[in-house]
Amino acid sequence: MSSILQNHYVLAVHDARRSADFYVQMLGFHVVAEPPGWVFVAKDNCMIMLGECPDDLHPSELGCHGYFAYLRVADADSYYDDLKAKGADLLSEIEDKPWKMREFGLRTVDGHRITIGHLLSN
């Protein structure tokens, strides 16, 4: 079986430009492509493909408690501090979890949820 080389996420959003601005300004991504109806943003080994779907349900209407992505980072504390200073919609304080991760959650401008964390050393 082939190796996985990179994570790509595909999200339906109401306004692709507004969503891309959030990922760029809040999370440190950059725009890598803008095919018709889409904006692709990337940071390091992660790409998020934002598809404009103005008539789709808002993520808050889905009734699901799941998160679309878990971004494992080198230093979750510095990411958390930066996002808090920028006024991000943080869903939880950063904390150590029993599964040996230090993590927190946030909500995007579209209502999608992401967990960001780093591996705790033993």
PDB file of N, CA and C in Angstrom:
ATOM      1  N   MET A   1       0.845  -1.175   0.000  1.00  0.00           N
ATOM      2  CA  MET A   1       0.000   0.000   0.000  1.00  0.00           C
ATOM      3  C   MET A   1       0.893   1.243   0.000  1.00  0.00           C
ATOM      4  N   SER A   2       0.500   2.251  -0.704  1.00  0.00           N
ATOM      5  CA  SER A   2       1.288   3.478  -0.847  1.00  0.00           C
ATOM      6  C   SER A   2       1.292   4.302   0.439  1.00  0.00           C
ATOM      7  N   SER A   3       2.328   5.094   0.643  1.00  0.00           N
ATOM      8  CA  SER A   3       2.446   5.996   1.788  1.00  0.00           C
ATOM      9  C   SER A   3       1.549   7.219   1.602  1.00  0.00           C
ATOM     10  N   ILE A   4       1.073   7.770   2.706  1.00  0.00           N
ATOM     11  CA  ILE A   4       0.343   9.040   2.686  1.00  0.00           C
ATOM     12  C   ILE A   4       1.380  10.145   2.766  1.00  0.00           C
ATOM     13  N   LEU A   5       1.385  11.038   1.799  1.00  0.00           N
ATOM     14  CA  LEU A   5       2.393  12.085   1.719  1.00  0.00           C
ATOM     15  C   LEU A   5       1.955  13.416   2.323  1.00  0.00           C
ATOM     16  N   GLN A   6       0.652  13.678   2.324  1.00  0.00           N
ATOM     17  CA  GLN A   6       0.168  14.977   2.792  1.00  0.00           C
ATOM     18  C   GLN A   6      -1.306  14.857   3.137  1.00  0.00           C
ATOM     19  N   ASN A   7      -1.787  15.682   4.077  1.00  0.00           N
ATOM     20  CA  ASN A   7      -3.211  15.755   4.394  1.00  0.00           C
ATOM     21  C   ASN A   7      -3.861  16.846   3.566  1.00  0.00           C
ATOM     22  N   HIS A   8      -4.969  16.534   2.938  1.00  0.00           N
ATOM     23  CA  HIS A   8      -5.811  17.520   2.271  1.00  0.00           C
ATOM     24  C   HIS A   8      -7.207  17.380   2.858  1.00  0.00           C
ATOM     25  N   TYR A   9      -7.823  18.477   3.197  1.00  0.00           N
ATOM     26  CA  TYR A   9      -9.201  18.479   3.669  1.00  0.00           C
ATOM     27  C   TYR A   9     -10.028  19.244   2.652  1.00  0.00           C
ATOM     28  N   VAL A  10     -11.241  18.807   2.420  1.00  0.00           N
ATOM     29  CA  VAL A  10     -12.158  19.476   1.505  1.00  0.00           C
ATOM     30  C   VAL A  10     -13.359  19.929   2.324  1.00  0.00           C
ATOM     31  N   LEU A  11     -13.629  21.223   2.309  1.00  0.00           N
ATOM     32  CA  LEU A  11     -14.729  21.778   3.086  1.00  0.00           C
ATOM     33  C   LEU A  11     -15.669  22.580   2.205  1.00  0.00           C
ATOM     34  N   ALA A  12     -16.953  22.395   2.431  1.00  0.00           N
ATOM     35  CA  ALA A  12     -17.968  23.237   1.806  1.00  0.00           C
ATOM     36  C   ALA A  12     -18.136  24.474   2.685  1.00  0.00           C
ATOM     37  N   VAL A  13     -18.027  25.643   2.079  1.00  0.00           N
ATOM     38  CA  VAL A  13     -18.161  26.904   2.813  1.00  0.00           C
ATOM     39  C   VAL A  13     -19.095  27.833   2.033  1.00  0.00           C
ATOM     40  N   HIS A  14     -19.703  28.753   2.748  1.00  0.00           N
ATOM     41  CA  HIS A  14     -20.634  29.675   2.091  1.00  0.00           C
ATOM     42  C   HIS A  14     -19.928  30.735   1.269  1.00  0.00           C
ATOM     43  N   ASP A  15     -18.751  31.173   1.707  1.00  0.00           N
ATOM     44  CA  ASP A  15     -18.009  32.237   1.036  1.00  0.00           C
ATOM     45  C   ASP A  15     -16.523  31.860   1.084  1.00  0.00           C
ATOM     46  N   ALA A  16     -16.009  31.339  -0.014  1.00  0.00           N
ATOM     47  CA  ALA A  16     -14.639  30.818  -0.051  1.00  0.00           C
ATOM     48  C   ALA A  16     -13.601  31.893   0.250  1.00  0.00           C
ATOM     49  N   ARG A  17     -13.794  33.099  -0.228  1.00  0.00           N
ATOM     50  CA  ARG A  17     -12.840  34.184   0.021  1.00  0.00           C
ATOM     51  C   ARG A  17     -12.799  34.522   1.511  1.00  0.00           C
ATOM     52  N   ARG A  18     -13.954  34.655   2.131  1.00  0.00           N
ATOM     53  CA  ARG A  18     -14.029  34.953   3.576  1.00  0.00           C
ATOM     54  C   ARG A  18     -13.355  33.844   4.370  1.00  0.00           C
ATOM     55  N   SER A  19     -13.614  32.605   4.004  1.00  0.00           N
ATOM     56  CA  SER A  19     -13.012  31.463   4.693  1.00  0.00           C
ATOM     57  C   SER A  19     -11.500  31.457   4.528  1.00  0.00           C
ATOM     58  N   ALA A  20     -11.040  31.698   3.301  1.00  0.00           N
ATOM     59  CA  ALA A  20      -9.600  31.725   3.044  1.00  0.00           C
ATOM     60  C   ALA A  20      -8.931  32.820   3.872  1.00  0.00           C
ATOM     61  N   ASP A  21      -9.557  33.974   3.967  1.00  0.00           N
ATOM     62  CA  ASP A  21      -9.005  35.060   4.771  1.00  0.00           C
ATOM     63  C   ASP A  21      -8.830  34.627   6.230  1.00  0.00           C
ATOM     64  N   PHE A  22      -9.783  33.861   6.757  1.00  0.00           N
ATOM     65  CA  PHE A  22      -9.667  33.351   8.123  1.00  0.00           C
ATOM     66  C   PHE A  22      -8.442  32.450   8.264  1.00  0.00           C
ATOM     67  N   TYR A  23      -8.292  31.496   7.353  1.00  0.00           N
ATOM     68  CA  TYR A  23      -7.165  30.566   7.444  1.00  0.00           C
ATOM     69  C   TYR A  23      -5.823  31.278   7.297  1.00  0.00           C
ATOM     70  N   VAL A  24      -5.789  32.297   6.457  1.00  0.00           N
ATOM     71  CA  VAL A  24      -4.550  33.049   6.249  1.00  0.00           C
ATOM     72  C   VAL A  24      -4.253  33.935   7.465  1.00  0.00           C
ATOM     73  N   GLN A  25      -5.198  34.760   7.853  1.00  0.00           N
ATOM     74  CA  GLN A  25      -4.956  35.737   8.907  1.00  0.00           C
ATOM     75  C   GLN A  25      -4.911  35.124  10.301  1.00  0.00           C
ATOM     76  N   MET A  26      -5.758  34.136  10.562  1.00  0.00           N
ATOM     77  CA  MET A  26      -5.855  33.574  11.907  1.00  0.00           C
ATOM     78  C   MET A  26      -4.900  32.399  12.117  1.00  0.00           C
ATOM     79  N   LEU A  27      -4.804  31.503  11.123  1.00  0.00           N
ATOM     80  CA  LEU A  27      -4.078  30.248  11.327  1.00  0.00           C
ATOM     81  C   LEU A  27      -2.724  30.174  10.618  1.00  0.00           C
ATOM     82  N   GLY A  28      -2.363  31.202   9.848  1.00  0.00           N
ATOM     83  CA  GLY A  28      -1.047  31.232   9.232  1.00  0.00           C
ATOM     84  C   GLY A  28      -0.905  30.455   7.935  1.00  0.00           C
ATOM     85  N   PHE A  29      -2.009  30.118   7.286  1.00  0.00           N
ATOM     86  CA  PHE A  29      -1.969  29.458   5.977  1.00  0.00           C
ATOM     87  C   PHE A  29      -1.684  30.504   4.903  1.00  0.00           C
ATOM     88  N   HIS A  30      -1.483  30.061   3.673  1.00  0.00           N
ATOM     89  CA  HIS A  30      -1.377  30.974   2.533  1.00  0.00           C
ATOM     90  C   HIS A  30      -2.165  30.375   1.360  1.00  0.00           C
ATOM     91  N   VAL A  31      -2.641  31.231   0.493  1.00  0.00           N
ATOM     92  CA  VAL A  31      -3.419  30.794  -0.664  1.00  0.00           C
ATOM     93  C   VAL A  31      -2.466  30.203  -1.694  1.00  0.00           C
ATOM     94  N   VAL A  32      -2.791  28.978  -2.174  1.00  0.00           N
ATOM     95  CA  VAL A  32      -1.929  28.326  -3.165  1.00  0.00           C
ATOM     96  C   VAL A  32      -2.610  28.173  -4.521  1.00  0.00           C
ATOM     97  N   ALA A  33      -3.932  28.246  -4.564  1.00  0.00           N
ATOM     98  CA  ALA A  33      -4.648  28.137  -5.849  1.00  0.00           C
ATOM     99  C   ALA A  33      -6.062  28.675  -5.677  1.00  0.00           C
ATOM    100  N   GLU A  34      -6.604  29.177  -6.800  1.00  0.00           N
ATOM    101  CA  GLU A  34      -7.974  29.693  -6.798  1.00  0.00           C
ATOM    102  C   GLU A  34      -8.699  29.279  -8.072  1.00  0.00           C
ATOM    103  N   PRO A  35      -8.939  27.967  -8.235  1.00  0.00           N
ATOM    104  CA  PRO A  35      -9.736  27.555  -9.389  1.00  0.00           C
ATOM    105  C   PRO A  35     -11.179  28.057  -9.211  1.00  0.00           C
ATOM    106  N   PRO A  36     -11.964  28.140 -10.270  1.00  0.00           N
ATOM    107  CA  PRO A  36     -13.334  28.660 -10.152  1.00  0.00           C
ATOM    108  C   PRO A  36     -14.133  27.949  -9.055  1.00  0.00           C
ATOM    109  N   GLY A  37     -14.689  28.747  -8.135  1.00  0.00           N
ATOM    110  CA  GLY A  37     -15.514  28.209  -7.063  1.00  0.00           C
ATOM    111  C   GLY A  37     -14.740  27.661  -5.876  1.00  0.00           C
ATOM    112  N   TRP A  38     -13.423  27.790  -5.890  1.00  0.00           N
ATOM    113  CA  TRP A  38     -12.579  27.216  -4.845  1.00  0.00           C
ATOM    114  C   TRP A  38     -11.492  28.199  -4.426  1.00  0.00           C
ATOM    115  N   VAL A  39     -10.995  28.015  -3.205  1.00  0.00           N
ATOM    116  CA  VAL A  39      -9.732  28.612  -2.762  1.00  0.00           C
ATOM    117  C   VAL A  39      -9.008  27.527  -1.974  1.00  0.00           C
ATOM    118  N   PHE A  40      -7.768  27.232  -2.373  1.00  0.00           N
ATOM    119  CA  PHE A  40      -6.949  26.249  -1.674  1.00  0.00           C
ATOM    120  C   PHE A  40      -5.958  27.013  -0.809  1.00  0.00           C
ATOM    121  N   VAL A  41      -5.888  26.642   0.479  1.00  0.00           N
ATOM    122  CA  VAL A  41      -4.933  27.239   1.400  1.00  0.00           C
ATOM    123  C   VAL A  41      -4.033  26.141   1.952  1.00  0.00           C
ATOM    124  N   ALA A  42      -2.784  26.493   2.260  1.00  0.00           N
ATOM    125  CA  ALA A  42      -1.843  25.486   2.752  1.00  0.00           C
ATOM    126  C   ALA A  42      -0.938  26.079   3.818  1.00  0.00           C
ATOM    127  N   LYS A  43      -0.489  25.210   4.707  1.00  0.00           N
ATOM    128  CA  LYS A  43       0.521  25.537   5.719  1.00  0.00           C
ATOM    129  C   LYS A  43       1.304  24.266   5.965  1.00  0.00           C
ATOM    130  N   ASP A  44       2.596  24.342   5.767  1.00  0.00           N
ATOM    131  CA  ASP A  44       3.478  23.189   5.960  1.00  0.00           C
ATOM    132  C   ASP A  44       2.957  21.992   5.148  1.00  0.00           C
ATOM    133  N   ASN A  45       2.605  20.880   5.783  1.00  0.00           N
ATOM    134  CA  ASN A  45       2.148  19.684   5.058  1.00  0.00           C
ATOM    135  C   ASN A  45       0.634  19.513   5.057  1.00  0.00           C
ATOM    136  N   CYS A  46      -0.087  20.594   5.246  1.00  0.00           N
ATOM    137  CA  CYS A  46      -1.549  20.524   5.308  1.00  0.00           C
ATOM    138  C   CYS A  46      -2.159  21.453   4.265  1.00  0.00           C
ATOM    139  N   MET A  47      -3.125  20.945   3.499  1.00  0.00           N
ATOM    140  CA  MET A  47      -3.867  21.778   2.557  1.00  0.00           C
ATOM    141  C   MET A  47      -5.353  21.652   2.864  1.00  0.00           C
ATOM    142  N   ILE A  48      -6.055  22.773   2.785  1.00  0.00           N
ATOM    143  CA  ILE A  48      -7.503  22.795   2.950  1.00  0.00           C
ATOM    144  C   ILE A  48      -8.089  23.382   1.683  1.00  0.00           C
ATOM    145  N   MET A  49      -8.961  22.609   1.053  1.00  0.00           N
ATOM    146  CA  MET A  49      -9.587  22.995  -0.206  1.00  0.00           C
ATOM    147  C   MET A  49     -10.994  23.498   0.114  1.00  0.00           C
ATOM    148  N   LEU A  50     -11.196  24.803  -0.011  1.00  0.00           N
ATOM    149  CA  LEU A  50     -12.446  25.456   0.362  1.00  0.00           C
ATOM    150  C   LEU A  50     -13.325  25.610  -0.867  1.00  0.00           C
ATOM    151  N   GLY A  51     -14.403  24.852  -0.900  1.00  0.00           N
ATOM    152  CA  GLY A  51     -15.333  24.904  -2.021  1.00  0.00           C
ATOM    153  C   GLY A  51     -16.531  25.767  -1.679  1.00  0.00           C
ATOM    154  N   GLU A  52     -16.838  26.723  -2.548  1.00  0.00           N
ATOM    155  CA  GLU A  52     -17.945  27.639  -2.281  1.00  0.00           C
ATOM    156  C   GLU A  52     -19.280  26.975  -2.567  1.00  0.00           C
ATOM    157  N   CYS A  53     -20.062  26.794  -1.507  1.00  0.00           N
ATOM    158  CA  CYS A  53     -21.379  26.145  -1.573  1.00  0.00           C
ATOM    159  C   CYS A  53     -22.355  26.995  -0.772  1.00  0.00           C
ATOM    160  N   PRO A  54     -22.814  28.119  -1.319  1.00  0.00           N
ATOM    161  CA  PRO A  54     -23.612  29.065  -0.546  1.00  0.00           C
ATOM    162  C   PRO A  54     -24.946  28.524  -0.046  1.00  0.00           C
ATOM    163  N   ASP A  55     -25.456  27.460  -0.647  1.00  0.00           N
ATOM    164  CA  ASP A  55     -26.757  26.936  -0.242  1.00  0.00           C
ATOM    165  C   ASP A  55     -26.670  25.752   0.723  1.00  0.00           C
ATOM    166  N   ASP A  56     -25.469  25.299   1.053  1.00  0.00           N
ATOM    167  CA  ASP A  56     -25.318  24.171   1.982  1.00  0.00           C
ATOM    168  C   ASP A  56     -25.684  24.584   3.402  1.00  0.00           C
ATOM    169  N   LEU A  57     -25.985  23.587   4.238  1.00  0.00           N
ATOM    170  CA  LEU A  57     -26.257  23.837   5.645  1.00  0.00           C
ATOM    171  C   LEU A  57     -25.036  24.439   6.327  1.00  0.00           C
ATOM    172  N   HIS A  58     -25.275  25.290   7.291  1.00  0.00           N
ATOM    173  CA  HIS A  58     -24.197  25.812   8.113  1.00  0.00           C
ATOM    174  C   HIS A  58     -23.721  24.670   9.012  1.00  0.00           C
ATOM    175  N   PRO A  59     -22.404  24.544   9.256  1.00  0.00           N
ATOM    176  CA  PRO A  59     -21.905  23.444  10.086  1.00  0.00           C
ATOM    177  C   PRO A  59     -22.594  23.335  11.451  1.00  0.00           C
ATOM    178  N   SER A  60     -23.013  24.446  12.034  1.00  0.00           N
ATOM    179  CA  SER A  60     -23.688  24.389  13.331  1.00  0.00           C
ATOM    180  C   SER A  60     -25.052  23.707  13.245  1.00  0.00           C
ATOM    181  N   GLU A  61     -25.611  23.593  12.045  1.00  0.00           N
ATOM    182  CA  GLU A  61     -26.914  22.965  11.861  1.00  0.00           C
ATOM    183  C   GLU A  61     -26.826  21.454  11.666  1.00  0.00           C
ATOM    184  N   LEU A  62     -25.616  20.925  11.589  1.00  0.00           N
ATOM    185  CA  LEU A  62     -25.447  19.497  11.344  1.00  0.00           C
ATOM    186  C   LEU A  62     -25.703  18.656  12.580  1.00  0.00           C
ATOM    187  N   GLY A  63     -25.633  19.250  13.760  1.00  0.00           N
ATOM    188  CA  GLY A  63     -25.909  18.514  14.980  1.00  0.00           C
ATOM    189  C   GLY A  63     -24.821  17.514  15.352  1.00  0.00           C
ATOM    190  N   CYS A  64     -23.646  17.661  14.810  1.00  0.00           N
ATOM    191  CA  CYS A  64     -22.552  16.724  15.058  1.00  0.00           C
ATOM    192  C   CYS A  64     -21.526  17.384  15.982  1.00  0.00           C
ATOM    193  N   HIS A  65     -20.984  16.615  16.896  1.00  0.00           N
ATOM    194  CA  HIS A  65     -19.967  17.162  17.785  1.00  0.00           C
ATOM    195  C   HIS A  65     -18.554  16.903  17.269  1.00  0.00           C
ATOM    196  N   GLY A  66     -18.434  16.321  16.090  1.00  0.00           N
ATOM    197  CA  GLY A  66     -17.123  15.965  15.554  1.00  0.00           C
ATOM    198  C   GLY A  66     -16.347  17.155  15.021  1.00  0.00           C
ATOM    199  N   TYR A  67     -15.067  16.965  14.908  1.00  0.00           N
ATOM    200  CA  TYR A  67     -14.145  17.952  14.363  1.00  0.00           C
ATOM    201  C   TYR A  67     -13.680  17.468  12.999  1.00  0.00           C
ATOM    202  N   PHE A  68     -13.482  18.368  12.054  1.00  0.00           N
ATOM    203  CA  PHE A  68     -13.082  17.923  10.718  1.00  0.00           C
ATOM    204  C   PHE A  68     -11.594  17.628  10.639  1.00  0.00           C
ATOM    205  N   ALA A  69     -10.796  18.196  11.554  1.00  0.00           N
ATOM    206  CA  ALA A  69      -9.346  17.987  11.465  1.00  0.00           C
ATOM    207  C   ALA A  69      -8.722  18.002  12.839  1.00  0.00           C
ATOM    208  N   TYR A  70      -7.642  17.251  12.954  1.00  0.00           N
ATOM    209  CA  TYR A  70      -6.758  17.319  14.118  1.00  0.00           C
ATOM    210  C   TYR A  70      -5.403  17.703  13.549  1.00  0.00           C
ATOM    211  N   LEU A  71      -4.947  18.899  13.882  1.00  0.00           N
ATOM    212  CA  LEU A  71      -3.658  19.379  13.397  1.00  0.00           C
ATOM    213  C   LEU A  71      -2.615  19.169  14.490  1.00  0.00           C
ATOM    214  N   ARG A  72      -1.697  18.260  14.246  1.00  0.00           N
ATOM    215  CA  ARG A  72      -0.617  18.022  15.196  1.00  0.00           C
ATOM    216  C   ARG A  72       0.502  19.008  14.871  1.00  0.00           C
ATOM    217  N   VAL A  73       0.880  19.807  15.859  1.00  0.00           N
ATOM    218  CA  VAL A  73       1.858  20.868  15.666  1.00  0.00           C
ATOM    219  C   VAL A  73       3.065  20.649  16.574  1.00  0.00           C
ATOM    220  N   ALA A  74       4.112  21.421  16.363  1.00  0.00           N
ATOM    221  CA  ALA A  74       5.318  21.309  17.180  1.00  0.00           C
ATOM    222  C   ALA A  74       5.095  21.881  18.582  1.00  0.00           C
ATOM    223  N   ASP A  75       4.308  22.963  18.684  1.00  0.00           N
ATOM    224  CA  ASP A  75       4.111  23.639  19.966  1.00  0.00           C
ATOM    225  C   ASP A  75       2.688  24.180  20.042  1.00  0.00           C
ATOM    226  N   ALA A  76       1.805  23.404  20.625  1.00  0.00           N
ATOM    227  CA  ALA A  76       0.397  23.807  20.719  1.00  0.00           C
ATOM    228  C   ALA A  76       0.224  25.033  21.612  1.00  0.00           C
ATOM    229  N   ASP A  77       1.076  25.186  22.627  1.00  0.00           N
ATOM    230  CA  ASP A  77       0.947  26.336  23.525  1.00  0.00           C
ATOM    231  C   ASP A  77       1.165  27.653  22.782  1.00  0.00           C
ATOM    232  N   SER A  78       2.183  27.717  21.931  1.00  0.00           N
ATOM    233  CA  SER A  78       2.430  28.967  21.208  1.00  0.00           C
ATOM    234  C   SER A  78       1.319  29.241  20.199  1.00  0.00           C
ATOM    235  N   TYR A  79       0.792  28.174  19.559  1.00  0.00           N
ATOM    236  CA  TYR A  79      -0.320  28.347  18.620  1.00  0.00           C
ATOM    237  C   TYR A  79      -1.554  28.867  19.379  1.00  0.00           C
ATOM    238  N   TYR A  80      -1.816  28.263  20.541  1.00  0.00           N
ATOM    239  CA  TYR A  80      -2.939  28.674  21.372  1.00  0.00           C
ATOM    240  C   TYR A  80      -2.808  30.144  21.785  1.00  0.00           C
ATOM    241  N   ASP A  81      -1.624  30.517  22.282  1.00  0.00           N
ATOM    242  CA  ASP A  81      -1.413  31.905  22.720  1.00  0.00           C
ATOM    243  C   ASP A  81      -1.617  32.891  21.580  1.00  0.00           C
ATOM    244  N   ASP A  82      -1.125  32.544  20.393  1.00  0.00           N
ATOM    245  CA  ASP A  82      -1.277  33.419  19.229  1.00  0.00           C
ATOM    246  C   ASP A  82      -2.751  33.561  18.851  1.00  0.00           C
ATOM    247  N   LEU A  83      -3.473  32.449  18.819  1.00  0.00           N
ATOM    248  CA  LEU A  83      -4.890  32.498  18.454  1.00  0.00           C
ATOM    249  C   LEU A  83      -5.715  33.247  19.494  1.00  0.00           C
ATOM    250  N   LYS A  84      -5.394  33.048  20.761  1.00  0.00           N
ATOM    251  CA  LYS A  84      -6.115  33.753  21.822  1.00  0.00           C
ATOM    252  C   LYS A  84      -5.907  35.261  21.684  1.00  0.00           C
ATOM    253  N   ALA A  85      -4.666  35.668  21.398  1.00  0.00           N
ATOM    254  CA  ALA A  85      -4.367  37.092  21.226  1.00  0.00           C
ATOM    255  C   ALA A  85      -5.102  37.683  20.027  1.00  0.00           C
ATOM    256  N   LYS A  86      -5.343  36.869  19.007  1.00  0.00           N
ATOM    257  CA  LYS A  86      -6.053  37.334  17.807  1.00  0.00           C
ATOM    258  C   LYS A  86      -7.565  37.302  17.970  1.00  0.00           C
ATOM    259  N   GLY A  87      -8.052  36.778  19.098  1.00  0.00           N
ATOM    260  CA  GLY A  87      -9.491  36.725  19.339  1.00  0.00           C
ATOM    261  C   GLY A  87     -10.182  35.564  18.656  1.00  0.00           C
ATOM    262  N   ALA A  88      -9.472  34.469  18.440  1.00  0.00           N
ATOM    263  CA  ALA A  88     -10.077  33.289  17.810  1.00  0.00           C
ATOM    264  C   ALA A  88     -11.204  32.738  18.674  1.00  0.00           C
ATOM    265  N   ASP A  89     -12.125  32.055  18.037  1.00  0.00           N
ATOM    266  CA  ASP A  89     -13.245  31.409  18.724  1.00  0.00           C
ATOM    267  C   ASP A  89     -12.737  30.076  19.288  1.00  0.00           C
ATOM    268  N   LEU A  90     -12.096  30.137  20.449  1.00  0.00           N
ATOM    269  CA  LEU A  90     -11.536  28.947  21.078  1.00  0.00           C
ATOM    270  C   LEU A  90     -12.640  28.185  21.809  1.00  0.00           C
ATOM    271  N   LEU A  91     -12.715  26.901  21.570  1.00  0.00           N
ATOM    272  CA  LEU A  91     -13.758  26.070  22.151  1.00  0.00           C
ATOM    273  C   LEU A  91     -13.344  25.429  23.468  1.00  0.00           C
ATOM    274  N   SER A  92     -12.040  25.392  23.717  1.00  0.00           N
ATOM    275  CA  SER A  92     -11.549  24.813  24.964  1.00  0.00           C
ATOM    276  C   SER A  92     -10.195  25.426  25.301  1.00  0.00           C
ATOM    277  N   GLU A  93      -9.891  25.433  26.580  1.00  0.00           N
ATOM    278  CA  GLU A  93      -8.571  25.845  27.042  1.00  0.00           C
ATOM    279  C   GLU A  93      -7.580  24.772  26.631  1.00  0.00           C
ATOM    280  N   ILE A  94      -6.326  25.136  26.501  1.00  0.00           N
ATOM    281  CA  ILE A  94      -5.309  24.132  26.204  1.00  0.00           C
ATOM    282  C   ILE A  94      -5.075  23.303  27.466  1.00  0.00           C
ATOM    283  N   GLU A  95      -4.994  21.977  27.278  1.00  0.00           N
ATOM    284  CA  GLU A  95      -4.780  21.106  28.434  1.00  0.00           C
ATOM    285  C   GLU A  95      -4.191  19.766  28.010  1.00  0.00           C
ATOM    286  N   ASP A  96      -3.561  19.107  28.966  1.00  0.00           N
ATOM    287  CA  ASP A  96      -3.021  17.768  28.743  1.00  0.00           C
ATOM    288  C   ASP A  96      -4.160  16.762  28.766  1.00  0.00           C
ATOM    289  N   LYS A  97      -4.141  15.848  27.805  1.00  0.00           N
ATOM    290  CA  LYS A  97      -5.181  14.830  27.695  1.00  0.00           C
ATOM    291  C   LYS A  97      -4.621  13.467  28.079  1.00  0.00           C
ATOM    292  N   PRO A  98      -5.479  12.528  28.478  1.00  0.00           N
ATOM    293  CA  PRO A  98      -4.997  11.200  28.866  1.00  0.00           C
ATOM    294  C   PRO A  98      -4.369  10.423  27.712  1.00  0.00           C
ATOM    295  N   TRP A  99      -4.621  10.834  26.482  1.00  0.00           N
ATOM    296  CA  TRP A  99      -4.047  10.154  25.314  1.00  0.00           C
ATOM    297  C   TRP A  99      -2.695  10.745  24.931  1.00  0.00           C
ATOM    298  N   LYS A 100      -2.033  11.429  25.903  1.00  0.00           N
ATOM    299  CA  LYS A 100      -0.666  11.944  25.767  1.00  0.00           C
ATOM    300  C   LYS A 100      -0.536  13.055  24.730  1.00  0.00           C
ATOM    301  N   MET A 101      -1.595  13.858  24.620  1.00  0.00           N
ATOM    302  CA  MET A 101      -1.569  15.032  23.760  1.00  0.00           C
ATOM    303  C   MET A 101      -1.906  16.259  24.603  1.00  0.00           C
ATOM    304  N   ARG A 102      -1.295  17.379  24.274  1.00  0.00           N
ATOM    305  CA  ARG A 102      -1.666  18.680  24.841  1.00  0.00           C
ATOM    306  C   ARG A 102      -2.397  19.402  23.725  1.00  0.00           C
ATOM    307  N   GLU A 103      -3.670  19.763  23.968  1.00  0.00           N
ATOM    308  CA  GLU A 103      -4.496  20.214  22.853  1.00  0.00           C
ATOM    309  C   GLU A 103      -5.568  21.205  23.272  1.00  0.00           C
ATOM    310  N   PHE A 104      -6.164  21.816  22.236  1.00  0.00           N
ATOM    311  CA  PHE A 104      -7.295  22.726  22.401  1.00  0.00           C
ATOM    312  C   PHE A 104      -8.120  22.679  21.123  1.00  0.00           C
ATOM    313  N   GLY A 105      -9.333  23.207  21.210  1.00  0.00           N
ATOM    314  CA  GLY A 105     -10.208  23.252  20.043  1.00  0.00           C
ATOM    315  C   GLY A 105     -10.559  24.681  19.675  1.00  0.00           C
ATOM    316  N   LEU A 106     -10.862  24.876  18.392  1.00  0.00           N
ATOM    317  CA  LEU A 106     -11.322  26.176  17.934  1.00  0.00           C
ATOM    318  C   LEU A 106     -12.380  25.994  16.846  1.00  0.00           C
ATOM    319  N   ARG A 107     -13.137  27.060  16.629  1.00  0.00           N
ATOM    320  CA  ARG A 107     -14.172  27.075  15.596  1.00  0.00           C
ATOM    321  C   ARG A 107     -13.753  28.067  14.525  1.00  0.00           C
ATOM    322  N   THR A 108     -13.878  27.666  13.260  1.00  0.00           N
ATOM    323  CA  THR A 108     -13.540  28.552  12.158  1.00  0.00           C
ATOM    324  C   THR A 108     -14.645  29.581  11.948  1.00  0.00           C
ATOM    325  N   VAL A 109     -14.393  30.516  11.089  1.00  0.00           N
ATOM    326  CA  VAL A 109     -15.366  31.542  10.748  1.00  0.00           C
ATOM    327  C   VAL A 109     -16.640  30.926  10.158  1.00  0.00           C
ATOM    328  N   ASP A 110     -16.527  29.732   9.591  1.00  0.00           N
ATOM    329  CA  ASP A 110     -17.681  29.031   9.011  1.00  0.00           C
ATOM    330  C   ASP A 110     -18.399  28.137   9.999  1.00  0.00           C
ATOM    331  N   GLY A 111     -17.824  27.942  11.181  1.00  0.00           N
ATOM    332  CA  GLY A 111     -18.425  27.058  12.169  1.00  0.00           C
ATOM    333  C   GLY A 111     -17.833  25.653  12.184  1.00  0.00           C
ATOM    334  N   HIS A 112     -16.857  25.376  11.320  1.00  0.00           N
ATOM    335  CA  HIS A 112     -16.168  24.087  11.375  1.00  0.00           C
ATOM    336  C   HIS A 112     -15.268  24.073  12.606  1.00  0.00           C
ATOM    337  N   ARG A 113     -15.033  22.881  13.153  1.00  0.00           N
ATOM    338  CA  ARG A 113     -14.212  22.767  14.351  1.00  0.00           C
ATOM    339  C   ARG A 113     -12.914  22.024  14.065  1.00  0.00           C
ATOM    340  N   ILE A 114     -11.842  22.483  14.703  1.00  0.00           N
ATOM    341  CA  ILE A 114     -10.510  21.920  14.544  1.00  0.00           C
ATOM    342  C   ILE A 114      -9.913  21.704  15.930  1.00  0.00           C
ATOM    343  N   THR A 115      -9.208  20.605  16.127  1.00  0.00           N
ATOM    344  CA  THR A 115      -8.401  20.420  17.335  1.00  0.00           C
ATOM    345  C   THR A 115      -6.942  20.567  16.930  1.00  0.00           C
ATOM    346  N   ILE A 116      -6.187  21.261  17.771  1.00  0.00           N
ATOM    347  CA  ILE A 116      -4.755  21.471  17.539  1.00  0.00           C
ATOM    348  C   ILE A 116      -4.019  20.968  18.767  1.00  0.00           C
ATOM    349  N   GLY A 117      -2.977  20.160  18.564  1.00  0.00           N
ATOM    350  CA  GLY A 117      -2.257  19.632  19.715  1.00  0.00           C
ATOM    351  C   GLY A 117      -0.851  19.180  19.390  1.00  0.00           C
ATOM    352  N   HIS A 118      -0.093  18.939  20.463  1.00  0.00           N
ATOM    353  CA  HIS A 118       1.244  18.349  20.300  1.00  0.00           C
ATOM    354  C   HIS A 118       1.384  17.159  21.250  1.00  0.00           C
ATOM    355  N   LEU A 119       2.268  16.258  20.886  1.00  0.00           N
ATOM    356  CA  LEU A 119       2.524  15.046  21.645  1.00  0.00           C
ATOM    357  C   LEU A 119       3.275  15.398  22.918  1.00  0.00           C
ATOM    358  N   LEU A 120       2.791  14.866  24.044  1.00  0.00           N
ATOM    359  CA  LEU A 120       3.472  15.066  25.312  1.00  0.00           C
ATOM    360  C   LEU A 120       4.600  14.042  25.432  1.00  0.00           C
ATOM    361  N   SER A 121       5.719  14.496  25.966  1.00  0.00           N
ATOM    362  CA  SER A 121       6.816  13.547  26.192  1.00  0.00           C
ATOM    363  C   SER A 121       6.501  12.711  27.425  1.00  0.00           C
ATOM    364  N   ASN A 122       7.059  11.534  27.481  1.00  0.00           N
ATOM    365  CA  ASN A 122       6.772  10.624  28.603  1.00  0.00           C
ATOM    366  C   ASN A 122       7.338  11.077  29.892  1.00  0.00           C
TER     367      ASN A 122
END
